[in-house]
PDB file of N, CA and C in Angstrom:
ATOM      1  N   MET A   1       2.009  38.043 -51.861  1.00  0.00           N
ATOM      2  CA  MET A   1       2.550  37.454 -50.665  1.00  0.00           C
ATOM      3  C   MET A   1       1.476  36.562 -50.027  1.00  0.00           C
ATOM      4  N   SER A   2       1.857  35.355 -49.640  1.00  0.00           N
ATOM      5  CA  SER A   2       0.886  34.422 -49.069  1.00  0.00           C
ATOM      6  C   SER A   2       0.654  34.731 -47.579  1.00  0.00           C
ATOM      7  N   GLU A   3      -0.559  34.453 -47.167  1.00  0.00           N
ATOM      8  CA  GLU A   3      -0.919  34.707 -45.778  1.00  0.00           C
ATOM      9  C   GLU A   3      -0.567  33.494 -44.932  1.00  0.00           C
ATOM     10  N   GLU A   4       0.159  33.698 -43.847  1.00  0.00           N
ATOM     11  CA  GLU A   4       0.561  32.593 -42.988  1.00  0.00           C
ATOM     12  C   GLU A   4      -0.444  32.398 -41.869  1.00  0.00           C
ATOM     13  N   LYS A   5      -0.704  31.132 -41.546  1.00  0.00           N
ATOM     14  CA  LYS A   5      -1.589  30.820 -40.436  1.00  0.00           C
ATOM     15  C   LYS A   5      -0.814  30.950 -39.125  1.00  0.00           C
ATOM     16  N   PRO A   6      -1.456  31.459 -38.097  1.00  0.00           N
ATOM     17  CA  PRO A   6      -0.759  31.491 -36.807  1.00  0.00           C
ATOM     18  C   PRO A   6      -0.548  30.083 -36.276  1.00  0.00           C
ATOM     19  N   MET A   7       0.610  29.859 -35.723  1.00  0.00           N
ATOM     20  CA  MET A   7       0.917  28.536 -35.193  1.00  0.00           C
ATOM     21  C   MET A   7       0.164  28.316 -33.890  1.00  0.00           C
ATOM     22  N   THR A   8      -0.484  27.184 -33.778  1.00  0.00           N
ATOM     23  CA  THR A   8      -1.153  26.839 -32.527  1.00  0.00           C
ATOM     24  C   THR A   8      -0.380  25.710 -31.890  1.00  0.00           C
ATOM     25  N   SER A   9      -0.237  25.805 -30.597  1.00  0.00           N
ATOM     26  CA  SER A   9       0.466  24.740 -29.882  1.00  0.00           C
ATOM     27  C   SER A   9      -0.332  24.381 -28.641  1.00  0.00           C
ATOM     28  N   ASP A  10      -0.130  23.180 -28.173  1.00  0.00           N
ATOM     29  CA  ASP A  10      -0.829  22.696 -26.990  1.00  0.00           C
ATOM     30  C   ASP A  10       0.050  22.781 -25.752  1.00  0.00           C
ATOM     31  N   VAL A  11       1.035  23.679 -25.774  1.00  0.00           N
ATOM     32  CA  VAL A  11       1.910  23.851 -24.630  1.00  0.00           C
ATOM     33  C   VAL A  11       1.090  24.457 -23.494  1.00  0.00           C
ATOM     34  N   GLY A  12       1.194  23.855 -22.338  1.00  0.00           N
ATOM     35  CA  GLY A  12       0.447  24.355 -21.195  1.00  0.00           C
ATOM     36  C   GLY A  12      -0.891  23.676 -20.987  1.00  0.00           C
ATOM     37  N   VAL A  13      -1.297  22.833 -21.933  1.00  0.00           N
ATOM     38  CA  VAL A  13      -2.562  22.115 -21.793  1.00  0.00           C
ATOM     39  C   VAL A  13      -2.259  20.771 -21.147  1.00  0.00           C
ATOM     40  N   ARG A  14      -2.887  20.516 -20.002  1.00  0.00           N
ATOM     41  CA  ARG A  14      -2.632  19.274 -19.284  1.00  0.00           C
ATOM     42  C   ARG A  14      -3.791  18.317 -19.466  1.00  0.00           C
ATOM     43  N   ARG A  15      -3.460  17.071 -19.768  1.00  0.00           N
ATOM     44  CA  ARG A  15      -4.502  16.061 -19.915  1.00  0.00           C
ATOM     45  C   ARG A  15      -4.979  15.617 -18.543  1.00  0.00           C
ATOM     46  N   ALA A  16      -6.259  15.341 -18.452  1.00  0.00           N
ATOM     47  CA  ALA A  16      -6.832  14.802 -17.219  1.00  0.00           C
ATOM     48  C   ALA A  16      -7.591  13.544 -17.578  1.00  0.00           C
ATOM     49  N   VAL A  17      -7.394  12.493 -16.808  1.00  0.00           N
ATOM     50  CA  VAL A  17      -8.072  11.221 -17.067  1.00  0.00           C
ATOM     51  C   VAL A  17      -8.697  10.711 -15.781  1.00  0.00           C
ATOM     52  N   ARG A  18      -9.683   9.846 -15.958  1.00  0.00           N
ATOM     53  CA  ARG A  18     -10.405   9.249 -14.834  1.00  0.00           C
ATOM     54  C   ARG A  18     -10.036   7.773 -14.776  1.00  0.00           C
ATOM     55  N   GLY A  19      -9.803   7.267 -13.573  1.00  0.00           N
ATOM     56  CA  GLY A  19      -9.449   5.869 -13.427  1.00  0.00           C
ATOM     57  C   GLY A  19      -9.715   5.381 -12.018  1.00  0.00           C
ATOM     58  N   SER A  20      -9.475   4.090 -11.806  1.00  0.00           N
ATOM     59  CA  SER A  20      -9.693   3.527 -10.477  1.00  0.00           C
ATOM     60  C   SER A  20      -8.346   3.124  -9.861  1.00  0.00           C
ATOM     61  N   VAL A  21      -8.239   3.326  -8.569  1.00  0.00           N
ATOM     62  CA  VAL A  21      -7.002   3.041  -7.839  1.00  0.00           C
ATOM     63  C   VAL A  21      -6.905   1.525  -7.647  1.00  0.00           C
ATOM     64  N   ILE A  22      -5.798   0.944  -8.112  1.00  0.00           N
ATOM     65  CA  ILE A  22      -5.610  -0.500  -7.947  1.00  0.00           C
ATOM     66  C   ILE A  22      -4.537  -0.814  -6.914  1.00  0.00           C
ATOM     67  N   SER A  23      -3.730   0.191  -6.538  1.00  0.00           N
ATOM     68  CA  SER A  23      -2.738  -0.014  -5.499  1.00  0.00           C
ATOM     69  C   SER A  23      -2.466   1.315  -4.799  1.00  0.00           C
ATOM     70  N   ALA A  24      -2.481   1.281  -3.473  1.00  0.00           N
ATOM     71  CA  ALA A  24      -2.184   2.485  -2.696  1.00  0.00           C
ATOM     72  C   ALA A  24      -1.201   2.140  -1.592  1.00  0.00           C
ATOM     73  N   ARG A  25      -0.320   1.198  -1.822  1.00  0.00           N
ATOM     74  CA  ARG A  25       0.603   0.720  -0.790  1.00  0.00           C
ATOM     75  C   ARG A  25       1.847   1.584  -0.651  1.00  0.00           C
ATOM     76  N   MET A  26       2.171   2.355  -1.685  1.00  0.00           N
ATOM     77  CA  MET A  26       3.364   3.191  -1.640  1.00  0.00           C
ATOM     78  C   MET A  26       3.080   4.475  -0.855  1.00  0.00           C
ATOM     79  N   ASP A  27       4.136   5.113  -0.376  1.00  0.00           N
ATOM     80  CA  ASP A  27       3.980   6.370   0.347  1.00  0.00           C
ATOM     81  C   ASP A  27       3.840   7.504  -0.653  1.00  0.00           C
ATOM     82  N   LYS A  28       2.716   8.249  -0.572  1.00  0.00           N
ATOM     83  CA  LYS A  28       2.405   9.396  -1.428  1.00  0.00           C
ATOM     84  C   LYS A  28       2.327   9.029  -2.903  1.00  0.00           C
ATOM     85  N   SER A  29       2.055   7.757  -3.212  1.00  0.00           N
ATOM     86  CA  SER A  29       1.937   7.320  -4.593  1.00  0.00           C
ATOM     87  C   SER A  29       0.803   6.303  -4.720  1.00  0.00           C
ATOM     88  N   ILE A  30       0.135   6.329  -5.867  1.00  0.00           N
ATOM     89  CA  ILE A  30      -0.903   5.339  -6.153  1.00  0.00           C
ATOM     90  C   ILE A  30      -0.732   4.842  -7.581  1.00  0.00           C
ATOM     91  N   THR A  31      -1.290   3.680  -7.851  1.00  0.00           N
ATOM     92  CA  THR A  31      -1.332   3.152  -9.207  1.00  0.00           C
ATOM     93  C   THR A  31      -2.788   3.204  -9.658  1.00  0.00           C
ATOM     94  N   VAL A  32      -3.016   3.808 -10.820  1.00  0.00           N
ATOM     95  CA  VAL A  32      -4.357   4.021 -11.333  1.00  0.00           C
ATOM     96  C   VAL A  32      -4.522   3.250 -12.642  1.00  0.00           C
ATOM     97  N   LEU A  33      -5.645   2.523 -12.742  1.00  0.00           N
ATOM     98  CA  LEU A  33      -5.966   1.796 -13.968  1.00  0.00           C
ATOM     99  C   LEU A  33      -6.935   2.654 -14.776  1.00  0.00           C
ATOM    100  N   VAL A  34      -6.501   3.069 -15.961  1.00  0.00           N
ATOM    101  CA  VAL A  34      -7.326   3.898 -16.847  1.00  0.00           C
ATOM    102  C   VAL A  34      -7.775   3.015 -18.009  1.00  0.00           C
ATOM    103  N   VAL A  35      -9.092   2.893 -18.171  1.00  0.00           N
ATOM    104  CA  VAL A  35      -9.660   2.055 -19.239  1.00  0.00           C
ATOM    105  C   VAL A  35     -10.225   2.976 -20.314  1.00  0.00           C
ATOM    106  N   ARG A  36      -9.913   2.673 -21.568  1.00  0.00           N
ATOM    107  CA  ARG A  36     -10.463   3.431 -22.689  1.00  0.00           C
ATOM    108  C   ARG A  36     -11.057   2.473 -23.707  1.00  0.00           C
ATOM    109  N   GLN A  37     -12.049   2.943 -24.435  1.00  0.00           N
ATOM    110  CA  GLN A  37     -12.687   2.149 -25.479  1.00  0.00           C
ATOM    111  C   GLN A  37     -12.590   2.892 -26.787  1.00  0.00           C
ATOM    112  N   PHE A  38     -12.364   2.153 -27.866  1.00  0.00           N
ATOM    113  CA  PHE A  38     -12.357   2.765 -29.185  1.00  0.00           C
ATOM    114  C   PHE A  38     -12.885   1.758 -30.193  1.00  0.00           C
ATOM    115  N   LYS A  39     -13.349   2.247 -31.301  1.00  0.00           N
ATOM    116  CA  LYS A  39     -13.921   1.394 -32.339  1.00  0.00           C
ATOM    117  C   LYS A  39     -12.822   0.974 -33.303  1.00  0.00           C
ATOM    118  N   HIS A  40     -12.746  -0.315 -33.611  1.00  0.00           N
ATOM    119  CA  HIS A  40     -11.764  -0.820 -34.566  1.00  0.00           C
ATOM    120  C   HIS A  40     -12.065  -0.236 -35.938  1.00  0.00           C
ATOM    121  N   PRO A  41     -11.049   0.284 -36.625  1.00  0.00           N
ATOM    122  CA  PRO A  41     -11.322   0.964 -37.890  1.00  0.00           C
ATOM    123  C   PRO A  41     -11.903   0.061 -38.994  1.00  0.00           C
ATOM    124  N   LEU A  42     -11.551  -1.196 -38.992  1.00  0.00           N
ATOM    125  CA  LEU A  42     -12.027  -2.091 -40.046  1.00  0.00           C
ATOM    126  C   LEU A  42     -13.251  -2.888 -39.612  1.00  0.00           C
ATOM    127  N   TYR A  43     -13.198  -3.464 -38.420  1.00  0.00           N
ATOM    128  CA  TYR A  43     -14.253  -4.373 -37.981  1.00  0.00           C
ATOM    129  C   TYR A  43     -15.374  -3.679 -37.206  1.00  0.00           C
ATOM    130  N   LYS A  44     -15.189  -2.414 -36.866  1.00  0.00           N
ATOM    131  CA  LYS A  44     -16.212  -1.614 -36.197  1.00  0.00           C
ATOM    132  C   LYS A  44     -16.643  -2.178 -34.842  1.00  0.00           C
ATOM    133  N   LYS A  45     -15.815  -2.979 -34.248  1.00  0.00           N
ATOM    134  CA  LYS A  45     -16.108  -3.546 -32.936  1.00  0.00           C
ATOM    135  C   LYS A  45     -15.404  -2.690 -31.881  1.00  0.00           C
ATOM    136  N   TYR A  46     -16.064  -2.483 -30.756  1.00  0.00           N
ATOM    137  CA  TYR A  46     -15.446  -1.707 -29.683  1.00  0.00           C
ATOM    138  C   TYR A  46     -14.424  -2.551 -28.944  1.00  0.00           C
ATOM    139  N   ILE A  47     -13.243  -1.980 -28.787  1.00  0.00           N
ATOM    140  CA  ILE A  47     -12.129  -2.669 -28.130  1.00  0.00           C
ATOM    141  C   ILE A  47     -11.814  -1.927 -26.837  1.00  0.00           C
ATOM    142  N   ARG A  48     -11.557  -2.661 -25.797  1.00  0.00           N
ATOM    143  CA  ARG A  48     -11.230  -2.084 -24.498  1.00  0.00           C
ATOM    144  C   ARG A  48      -9.738  -2.256 -24.243  1.00  0.00           C
ATOM    145  N   ARG A  49      -9.074  -1.159 -23.943  1.00  0.00           N
ATOM    146  CA  ARG A  49      -7.651  -1.178 -23.607  1.00  0.00           C
ATOM    147  C   ARG A  49      -7.468  -0.485 -22.255  1.00  0.00           C
ATOM    148  N   SER A  50      -6.460  -0.914 -21.505  1.00  0.00           N
ATOM    149  CA  SER A  50      -6.221  -0.312 -20.201  1.00  0.00           C
ATOM    150  C   SER A  50      -4.754   0.086 -20.075  1.00  0.00           C
ATOM    151  N   THR A  51      -4.523   1.069 -19.236  1.00  0.00           N
ATOM    152  CA  THR A  51      -3.179   1.580 -18.983  1.00  0.00           C
ATOM    153  C   THR A  51      -3.016   1.775 -17.486  1.00  0.00           C
ATOM    154  N   ARG A  52      -1.863   1.400 -16.959  1.00  0.00           N
ATOM    155  CA  ARG A  52      -1.545   1.625 -15.549  1.00  0.00           C
ATOM    156  C   ARG A  52      -0.670   2.869 -15.459  1.00  0.00           C
ATOM    157  N   LEU A  53      -1.101   3.813 -14.646  1.00  0.00           N
ATOM    158  CA  LEU A  53      -0.343   5.045 -14.456  1.00  0.00           C
ATOM    159  C   LEU A  53      -0.025   5.207 -12.974  1.00  0.00           C
ATOM    160  N   HIS A  54       1.150   5.709 -12.682  1.00  0.00           N
ATOM    161  CA  HIS A  54       1.530   6.007 -11.306  1.00  0.00           C
ATOM    162  C   HIS A  54       1.291   7.495 -11.077  1.00  0.00           C
ATOM    163  N   ALA A  55       0.608   7.822  -9.976  1.00  0.00           N
ATOM    164  CA  ALA A  55       0.242   9.208  -9.693  1.00  0.00           C
ATOM    165  C   ALA A  55       0.703   9.599  -8.296  1.00  0.00           C
ATOM    166  N   HIS A  56       0.939  10.891  -8.132  1.00  0.00           N
ATOM    167  CA  HIS A  56       1.378  11.441  -6.849  1.00  0.00           C
ATOM    168  C   HIS A  56       0.152  11.796  -6.005  1.00  0.00           C
ATOM    169  N   ASP A  57       0.096  11.254  -4.810  1.00  0.00           N
ATOM    170  CA  ASP A  57      -1.002  11.513  -3.865  1.00  0.00           C
ATOM    171  C   ASP A  57      -0.385  12.140  -2.616  1.00  0.00           C
ATOM    172  N   GLU A  58      -0.317  13.451  -2.595  1.00  0.00           N
ATOM    173  CA  GLU A  58       0.396  14.172  -1.544  1.00  0.00           C
ATOM    174  C   GLU A  58      -0.126  13.868  -0.151  1.00  0.00           C
ATOM    175  N   SER A  59      -1.440  13.747   0.009  1.00  0.00           N
ATOM    176  CA  SER A  59      -2.025  13.589   1.339  1.00  0.00           C
ATOM    177  C   SER A  59      -2.288  12.129   1.730  1.00  0.00           C
ATOM    178  N   ASN A  60      -1.883  11.181   0.897  1.00  0.00           N
ATOM    179  CA  ASN A  60      -2.146   9.758   1.146  1.00  0.00           C
ATOM    180  C   ASN A  60      -3.637   9.515   1.422  1.00  0.00           C
ATOM    181  N   ASP A  61      -4.482  10.170   0.658  1.00  0.00           N
ATOM    182  CA  ASP A  61      -5.928  10.150   0.876  1.00  0.00           C
ATOM    183  C   ASP A  61      -6.622   9.004   0.147  1.00  0.00           C
ATOM    184  N   CYS A  62      -6.060   8.546  -0.948  1.00  0.00           N
ATOM    185  CA  CYS A  62      -6.716   7.534  -1.797  1.00  0.00           C
ATOM    186  C   CYS A  62      -6.519   6.131  -1.239  1.00  0.00           C
ATOM    187  N   ARG A  63      -7.552   5.307  -1.465  1.00  0.00           N
ATOM    188  CA  ARG A  63      -7.491   3.897  -1.090  1.00  0.00           C
ATOM    189  C   ARG A  63      -7.831   3.056  -2.320  1.00  0.00           C
ATOM    190  N   GLU A  64      -7.525   1.760  -2.236  1.00  0.00           N
ATOM    191  CA  GLU A  64      -7.823   0.868  -3.350  1.00  0.00           C
ATOM    192  C   GLU A  64      -9.320   0.846  -3.630  1.00  0.00           C
ATOM    193  N   GLY A  65      -9.672   0.917  -4.906  1.00  0.00           N
ATOM    194  CA  GLY A  65     -11.074   0.894  -5.316  1.00  0.00           C
ATOM    195  C   GLY A  65     -11.663   2.261  -5.557  1.00  0.00           C
ATOM    196  N   ASP A  66     -11.010   3.330  -5.085  1.00  0.00           N
ATOM    197  CA  ASP A  66     -11.526   4.681  -5.302  1.00  0.00           C
ATOM    198  C   ASP A  66     -11.446   5.045  -6.775  1.00  0.00           C
ATOM    199  N   THR A  67     -12.373   5.898  -7.220  1.00  0.00           N
ATOM    200  CA  THR A  67     -12.319   6.463  -8.561  1.00  0.00           C
ATOM    201  C   THR A  67     -11.748   7.866  -8.432  1.00  0.00           C
ATOM    202  N   VAL A  68     -10.673   8.156  -9.188  1.00  0.00           N
ATOM    203  CA  VAL A  68      -9.972   9.427  -9.042  1.00  0.00           C
ATOM    204  C   VAL A  68      -9.817  10.122 -10.393  1.00  0.00           C
ATOM    205  N   LEU A  69      -9.604  11.420 -10.312  1.00  0.00           N
ATOM    206  CA  LEU A  69      -9.280  12.229 -11.474  1.00  0.00           C
ATOM    207  C   LEU A  69      -7.822  12.626 -11.322  1.00  0.00           C
ATOM    208  N   ILE A  70      -6.991  12.294 -12.317  1.00  0.00           N
ATOM    209  CA  ILE A  70      -5.576  12.630 -12.272  1.00  0.00           C
ATOM    210  C   ILE A  70      -5.235  13.497 -13.479  1.00  0.00           C
ATOM    211  N   GLU A  71      -4.216  14.354 -13.304  1.00  0.00           N
ATOM    212  CA  GLU A  71      -3.786  15.187 -14.421  1.00  0.00           C
ATOM    213  C   GLU A  71      -2.294  15.065 -14.612  1.00  0.00           C
ATOM    214  N   GLU A  72      -1.874  15.295 -15.834  1.00  0.00           N
ATOM    215  CA  GLU A  72      -0.486  15.214 -16.199  1.00  0.00           C
ATOM    216  C   GLU A  72       0.286  16.355 -15.549  1.00  0.00           C
ATOM    217  N   CYS A  73       1.533  16.091 -15.181  1.00  0.00           N
ATOM    218  CA  CYS A  73       2.367  17.124 -14.570  1.00  0.00           C
ATOM    219  C   CYS A  73       3.824  16.857 -14.946  1.00  0.00           C
ATOM    220  N   ARG A  74       4.695  17.651 -14.386  1.00  0.00           N
ATOM    221  CA  ARG A  74       6.124  17.449 -14.638  1.00  0.00           C
ATOM    222  C   ARG A  74       6.547  16.113 -14.029  1.00  0.00           C
ATOM    223  N   PRO A  75       7.628  15.510 -14.491  1.00  0.00           N
ATOM    224  CA  PRO A  75       8.072  14.259 -13.887  1.00  0.00           C
ATOM    225  C   PRO A  75       8.468  14.459 -12.422  1.00  0.00           C
ATOM    226  N   ILE A  76       7.817  13.708 -11.542  1.00  0.00           N
ATOM    227  CA  ILE A  76       8.106  13.798 -10.121  1.00  0.00           C
ATOM    228  C   ILE A  76       9.160  12.771  -9.746  1.00  0.00           C
ATOM    229  N   SER A  77       9.128  11.619 -10.391  1.00  0.00           N
ATOM    230  CA  SER A  77      10.138  10.593 -10.196  1.00  0.00           C
ATOM    231  C   SER A  77      10.270   9.821 -11.511  1.00  0.00           C
ATOM    232  N   LYS A  78      10.951   8.712 -11.459  1.00  0.00           N
ATOM    233  CA  LYS A  78      11.179   7.930 -12.682  1.00  0.00           C
ATOM    234  C   LYS A  78       9.877   7.484 -13.333  1.00  0.00           C
ATOM    235  N   MET A  79       8.883   7.111 -12.531  1.00  0.00           N
ATOM    236  CA  MET A  79       7.647   6.578 -13.079  1.00  0.00           C
ATOM    237  C   MET A  79       6.434   7.491 -12.878  1.00  0.00           C
ATOM    238  N   LYS A  80       6.538   8.508 -12.032  1.00  0.00           N
ATOM    239  CA  LYS A  80       5.381   9.355 -11.728  1.00  0.00           C
ATOM    240  C   LYS A  80       5.417  10.651 -12.536  1.00  0.00           C
ATOM    241  N   SER A  81       4.400  10.819 -13.412  1.00  0.00           N
ATOM    242  CA  SER A  81       4.230  12.066 -14.162  1.00  0.00           C
ATOM    243  C   SER A  81       2.779  12.523 -14.091  1.00  0.00           C
ATOM    244  N   TRP A  82       2.051  12.029 -13.131  1.00  0.00           N
ATOM    245  CA  TRP A  82       0.642  12.380 -12.945  1.00  0.00           C
ATOM    246  C   TRP A  82       0.416  12.736 -11.482  1.00  0.00           C
ATOM    247  N   ARG A  83      -0.594  13.581 -11.202  1.00  0.00           N
ATOM    248  CA  ARG A  83      -0.934  13.919  -9.824  1.00  0.00           C
ATOM    249  C   ARG A  83      -2.440  13.840  -9.642  1.00  0.00           C
ATOM    250  N   VAL A  84      -2.835  13.483  -8.418  1.00  0.00           N
ATOM    251  CA  VAL A  84      -4.251  13.343  -8.093  1.00  0.00           C
ATOM    252  C   VAL A  84      -4.861  14.740  -7.956  1.00  0.00           C
ATOM    253  N   ILE A  85      -5.959  14.955  -8.658  1.00  0.00           N
ATOM    254  CA  ILE A  85      -6.669  16.229  -8.577  1.00  0.00           C
ATOM    255  C   ILE A  85      -7.846  16.103  -7.619  1.00  0.00           C
ATOM    256  N   GLN A  86      -8.594  15.005  -7.740  1.00  0.00           N
ATOM    257  CA  GLN A  86      -9.824  14.876  -6.966  1.00  0.00           C
ATOM    258  C   GLN A  86     -10.192  13.404  -6.829  1.00  0.00           C
ATOM    259  N   VAL A  87     -10.734  13.046  -5.680  1.00  0.00           N
ATOM    260  CA  VAL A  87     -11.310  11.716  -5.488  1.00  0.00           C
ATOM    261  C   VAL A  87     -12.787  11.830  -5.853  1.00  0.00           C
ATOM    262  N   LEU A  88     -13.188  11.186  -6.935  1.00  0.00           N
ATOM    263  CA  LEU A  88     -14.552  11.315  -7.429  1.00  0.00           C
ATOM    264  C   LEU A  88     -15.526  10.424  -6.680  1.00  0.00           C
ATOM    265  N   GLU A  89     -15.089   9.208  -6.356  1.00  0.00           N
ATOM    266  CA  GLU A  89     -15.987   8.262  -5.722  1.00  0.00           C
ATOM    267  C   GLU A  89     -15.184   7.388  -4.766  1.00  0.00           C
ATOM    268  N   ARG A  90     -15.703   7.233  -3.560  1.00  0.00           N
ATOM    269  CA  ARG A  90     -15.040   6.390  -2.565  1.00  0.00           C
ATOM    270  C   ARG A  90     -15.515   4.950  -2.693  1.00  0.00           C
ATOM    271  N   PHE A  91     -14.602   4.011  -2.428  1.00  0.00           N
ATOM    272  CA  PHE A  91     -14.959   2.599  -2.418  1.00  0.00           C
ATOM    273  C   PHE A  91     -15.501   2.263  -1.044  1.00  0.00           C
ATOM    274  N   GLU A  92     -16.595   1.531  -0.999  1.00  0.00           N
ATOM    275  CA  GLU A  92     -17.268   1.188   0.264  1.00  0.00           C
ATOM    276  C   GLU A  92     -16.431   0.202   1.052  1.00  0.00           C
TER     277      GLU A  92
END
């Protein structure tokens, strides 16, 4: 009889990303620009890609230019599936 490996799943693991706030005009919502870098598999050059994510800011604490830590959560609205965990750096 063959030995089966236990199934591992990532259920319950929430991703957290760091980004900068580019818009804080909405009520209890912010837009965060997340920049990532990766090496091209063939040319070995580093490529920069960015993603805009909408996050829930319950206390309306974030302002444009702040660096924030956001984590994935259940869908709060049509476009919001992230929530603000912490403001890492304030914009002067």
